[in-house]
Every structure is written in structure tokens, then in C-alpha cells.
N, C-alpha and C. Protein backbone atom coordinates (compact mmCIF):
# COMPACT_ATOMS: atom_id res chain seq x y z
N UNK A 1 28.60 20.65 -11.87
CA UNK A 1 28.51 20.27 -10.44
C UNK A 1 28.42 18.77 -10.39
N UNK A 2 29.55 18.12 -9.84
CA UNK A 2 29.40 16.73 -9.72
C UNK A 2 29.61 16.25 -8.28
N UNK A 3 30.02 16.96 -7.39
CA UNK A 3 30.18 16.57 -6.01
C UNK A 3 29.22 17.26 -5.05
N UNK A 4 29.04 16.69 -3.99
CA UNK A 4 28.11 17.13 -2.98
C UNK A 4 28.64 18.54 -2.50
N UNK A 5 29.95 18.66 -2.39
CA UNK A 5 30.48 19.89 -1.93
C UNK A 5 30.11 21.08 -2.91
N UNK A 6 30.27 20.78 -4.22
CA UNK A 6 29.99 21.79 -5.22
C UNK A 6 28.52 22.19 -5.14
N UNK A 7 27.68 21.24 -4.99
CA UNK A 7 26.22 21.38 -4.83
C UNK A 7 25.90 22.36 -3.71
N UNK A 8 26.56 22.02 -2.46
CA UNK A 8 26.35 22.82 -1.26
C UNK A 8 26.75 24.24 -1.50
N UNK A 9 27.80 24.45 -2.14
CA UNK A 9 28.34 25.78 -2.39
C UNK A 9 27.44 26.56 -3.30
N UNK A 10 26.82 25.86 -4.36
CA UNK A 10 25.91 26.48 -5.19
C UNK A 10 24.57 26.82 -4.55
N UNK A 11 24.17 25.96 -3.65
CA UNK A 11 22.86 26.20 -2.89
C UNK A 11 23.02 27.41 -1.99
N UNK A 12 24.15 27.49 -1.36
CA UNK A 12 24.49 28.75 -0.40
C UNK A 12 24.39 30.01 -1.25
N UNK A 13 24.75 29.93 -2.44
CA UNK A 13 24.75 31.23 -3.29
C UNK A 13 23.33 31.52 -3.73
N UNK A 14 22.42 30.63 -3.73
CA UNK A 14 21.01 30.86 -4.14
C UNK A 14 20.28 31.87 -3.27
N UNK A 15 19.37 32.61 -3.80
CA UNK A 15 18.49 33.42 -2.96
C UNK A 15 17.52 32.45 -2.14
N UNK A 16 17.11 32.95 -1.08
CA UNK A 16 16.26 32.12 -0.14
C UNK A 16 15.01 31.48 -0.89
N UNK A 17 14.37 32.21 -1.61
CA UNK A 17 13.16 31.74 -2.34
C UNK A 17 13.50 30.68 -3.25
N UNK A 18 14.58 30.80 -3.99
CA UNK A 18 15.02 29.76 -4.96
C UNK A 18 15.44 28.49 -4.17
N UNK A 19 16.09 28.68 -3.04
CA UNK A 19 16.56 27.49 -2.31
C UNK A 19 15.33 26.73 -1.72
N UNK A 20 14.28 27.52 -1.37
CA UNK A 20 13.13 26.90 -0.78
C UNK A 20 12.43 26.09 -1.87
N UNK A 21 12.35 26.66 -3.10
CA UNK A 21 11.71 25.88 -4.20
C UNK A 21 12.36 24.75 -4.54
N UNK A 22 13.72 24.80 -4.50
CA UNK A 22 14.52 23.55 -4.65
C UNK A 22 14.29 22.55 -3.70
N UNK A 23 14.22 22.98 -2.51
CA UNK A 23 14.01 22.02 -1.35
C UNK A 23 12.56 21.35 -1.47
N UNK A 24 11.56 22.15 -1.81
CA UNK A 24 10.19 21.51 -2.03
C UNK A 24 10.26 20.57 -3.20
N UNK A 25 10.88 20.93 -4.28
CA UNK A 25 10.97 19.97 -5.41
C UNK A 25 11.69 18.68 -5.00
N UNK A 26 12.89 18.80 -4.24
CA UNK A 26 13.54 17.64 -3.83
C UNK A 26 12.76 16.73 -2.81
N UNK A 27 11.99 17.34 -2.02
CA UNK A 27 11.16 16.62 -1.14
C UNK A 27 10.09 15.81 -1.89
N UNK A 28 9.49 16.50 -2.89
CA UNK A 28 8.40 15.73 -3.71
C UNK A 28 9.13 14.60 -4.46
N UNK A 29 10.34 14.94 -5.02
CA UNK A 29 10.99 13.96 -5.87
C UNK A 29 11.37 12.65 -4.89
N UNK A 30 11.85 12.93 -3.75
CA UNK A 30 12.15 11.83 -2.80
C UNK A 30 10.97 10.99 -2.47
N UNK A 31 9.81 11.67 -2.25
CA UNK A 31 8.59 10.94 -1.90
C UNK A 31 8.06 10.08 -3.06
N UNK A 32 8.25 10.61 -4.26
CA UNK A 32 7.84 9.78 -5.35
C UNK A 32 8.77 8.61 -5.59
N UNK A 33 10.02 8.79 -5.39
CA UNK A 33 10.94 7.68 -5.52
C UNK A 33 10.73 6.66 -4.46
N UNK A 34 10.44 7.03 -3.27
CA UNK A 34 10.03 6.13 -2.16
C UNK A 34 8.81 5.33 -2.48
N UNK A 35 7.77 6.08 -3.08
CA UNK A 35 6.67 5.32 -3.53
C UNK A 35 6.79 4.34 -4.66
N UNK A 36 7.72 4.69 -5.55
CA UNK A 36 7.93 3.82 -6.62
C UNK A 36 8.75 2.50 -6.05
N UNK A 37 9.63 2.74 -5.15
CA UNK A 37 10.48 1.65 -4.63
C UNK A 37 9.63 0.68 -3.83
N UNK A 38 8.61 1.26 -3.09
CA UNK A 38 7.77 0.41 -2.24
C UNK A 38 6.85 -0.46 -3.10
N UNK A 39 6.30 0.16 -4.26
CA UNK A 39 5.48 -0.64 -5.08
C UNK A 39 6.22 -1.69 -5.76
N UNK A 40 7.49 -1.51 -6.17
CA UNK A 40 8.29 -2.41 -6.81
C UNK A 40 8.50 -3.64 -5.89
N UNK A 41 8.84 -3.38 -4.56
CA UNK A 41 9.04 -4.50 -3.76
C UNK A 41 7.82 -5.24 -3.32
N UNK A 42 6.71 -4.61 -3.26
CA UNK A 42 5.49 -5.29 -2.91
C UNK A 42 4.96 -6.17 -4.00
N UNK A 43 5.14 -5.71 -5.27
CA UNK A 43 4.73 -6.43 -6.47
C UNK A 43 5.61 -7.64 -6.72
N UNK A 44 6.90 -7.56 -6.48
CA UNK A 44 7.88 -8.55 -6.85
C UNK A 44 7.75 -9.74 -5.86
N UNK A 45 6.85 -10.68 -6.20
CA UNK A 45 6.76 -11.85 -5.35
C UNK A 45 7.46 -13.01 -6.13
N UNK A 46 8.17 -13.84 -5.47
CA UNK A 46 8.93 -14.93 -6.05
C UNK A 46 8.08 -16.17 -5.97
N UNK A 47 7.87 -16.83 -7.02
CA UNK A 47 7.10 -18.08 -6.94
C UNK A 47 8.19 -19.19 -6.83
N UNK A 48 8.19 -19.97 -5.73
CA UNK A 48 9.08 -21.04 -5.50
C UNK A 48 8.58 -22.37 -6.18
N UNK A 49 9.42 -23.14 -6.69
CA UNK A 49 9.00 -24.38 -7.24
C UNK A 49 8.45 -25.34 -6.20
N UNK A 50 7.56 -26.23 -6.56
CA UNK A 50 6.93 -27.25 -5.76
C UNK A 50 7.82 -28.45 -5.80
N UNK A 51 8.69 -28.53 -4.79
CA UNK A 51 9.70 -29.69 -4.74
C UNK A 51 8.99 -30.98 -4.46
N UNK A 52 7.97 -30.99 -3.67
CA UNK A 52 7.32 -32.21 -3.32
C UNK A 52 6.66 -32.87 -4.59
N UNK A 53 6.07 -31.98 -5.37
CA UNK A 53 5.46 -32.50 -6.65
C UNK A 53 6.41 -32.99 -7.56
N UNK A 54 7.49 -32.33 -7.71
CA UNK A 54 8.60 -32.74 -8.54
C UNK A 54 9.21 -34.05 -8.11
N UNK A 55 9.44 -34.18 -6.87
CA UNK A 55 9.93 -35.44 -6.26
C UNK A 55 8.96 -36.57 -6.60
N UNK A 56 7.74 -36.34 -6.37
CA UNK A 56 6.74 -37.46 -6.66
C UNK A 56 6.75 -37.86 -8.18
N UNK A 57 6.98 -36.80 -9.06
CA UNK A 57 6.96 -37.17 -10.50
C UNK A 57 8.14 -38.02 -10.82
N UNK A 58 9.29 -37.71 -10.17
CA UNK A 58 10.56 -38.47 -10.43
C UNK A 58 10.61 -39.81 -9.79
N UNK A 59 10.26 -39.87 -8.48
CA UNK A 59 10.43 -41.12 -7.72
C UNK A 59 9.13 -41.89 -7.44
N UNK A 60 8.07 -41.27 -7.70
CA UNK A 60 6.75 -42.00 -7.43
C UNK A 60 6.45 -41.94 -5.92
N UNK A 61 6.09 -43.07 -5.37
CA UNK A 61 5.73 -43.20 -3.92
C UNK A 61 6.97 -43.67 -3.11
N UNK A 62 8.06 -43.74 -3.67
CA UNK A 62 9.28 -44.28 -2.89
C UNK A 62 9.61 -43.25 -1.85
N UNK A 63 10.01 -43.91 -0.65
CA UNK A 63 10.46 -43.11 0.42
C UNK A 63 11.98 -43.22 0.59
N UNK A 64 12.75 -42.14 0.43
CA UNK A 64 14.12 -42.24 0.57
C UNK A 64 14.63 -42.05 1.99
N UNK A 65 15.68 -42.78 2.45
CA UNK A 65 16.12 -42.62 3.85
C UNK A 65 16.72 -41.22 3.98
N UNK A 66 16.63 -40.68 5.12
CA UNK A 66 17.28 -39.40 5.49
C UNK A 66 18.77 -39.78 5.79
N UNK A 67 19.58 -39.39 4.79
CA UNK A 67 20.96 -39.66 4.90
C UNK A 67 21.68 -38.94 6.03
N UNK A 68 21.15 -37.84 6.40
CA UNK A 68 21.74 -37.06 7.52
C UNK A 68 21.57 -37.82 8.80
N UNK A 69 20.36 -38.35 9.00
CA UNK A 69 20.06 -39.04 10.29
C UNK A 69 20.84 -40.30 10.25
N UNK A 70 20.91 -41.02 9.19
CA UNK A 70 21.68 -42.27 9.19
C UNK A 70 23.20 -42.08 9.49
N UNK A 71 23.71 -40.96 9.00
CA UNK A 71 25.11 -40.57 9.20
C UNK A 71 25.34 -40.28 10.72
N UNK A 72 24.36 -39.58 11.25
CA UNK A 72 24.52 -39.22 12.71
C UNK A 72 24.41 -40.45 13.54
N UNK A 73 23.60 -41.45 13.15
CA UNK A 73 23.46 -42.70 14.00
C UNK A 73 24.82 -43.44 14.03
N UNK A 74 25.61 -43.32 12.88
CA UNK A 74 26.82 -44.05 12.79
C UNK A 74 28.03 -43.30 13.57
N UNK A 75 27.80 -42.01 13.76
CA UNK A 75 28.95 -41.26 14.42
C UNK A 75 28.93 -41.56 15.89
N UNK A 76 30.05 -41.29 16.42
CA UNK A 76 30.28 -41.41 17.88
C UNK A 76 30.10 -40.03 18.49
N UNK A 77 29.37 -39.93 19.53
CA UNK A 77 29.22 -38.62 20.19
C UNK A 77 29.98 -38.59 21.52
């Protein structure tokens, strides 16, 4: 069985008790997978670099001009 259609056909051929057991197992499995996925996403936090500290290490106390603002001052609106 490799397609959903084949699985549906096989499920229809099962006795009701077996289909119910399969449905219960599938429900538990899906709940477990959802729990695993939520714990993975909550634990995975990204630590961003501290750009301000890095800039201070490289440039010291120099203040660089904002090139975007200077460019906008020169443009005609």
C-alpha cells in the first residue's frame, strides 16, 4: 500500500473493531507527533548577534553618517 486510495480500500475491508483500533492508534500517534513538533519549535530559539557591540569593537566611538538620509537630502522630491 503506497497511496491513500489503496489505504482507504484496505480500511473499508477491515472489520469494524479493527478499524476502530486503527483509528485510536492513529489519533494517539498524531497527538504524539503534534506534541513533539510543538516542543521542538518552543525550544529552538535563535540567538542573534549583538551588532552594536561588534560595531563598537570595530569602530570605537565613531559615529557614521546615515547614508540613506544623506542620499534623500540630495534627491529632488
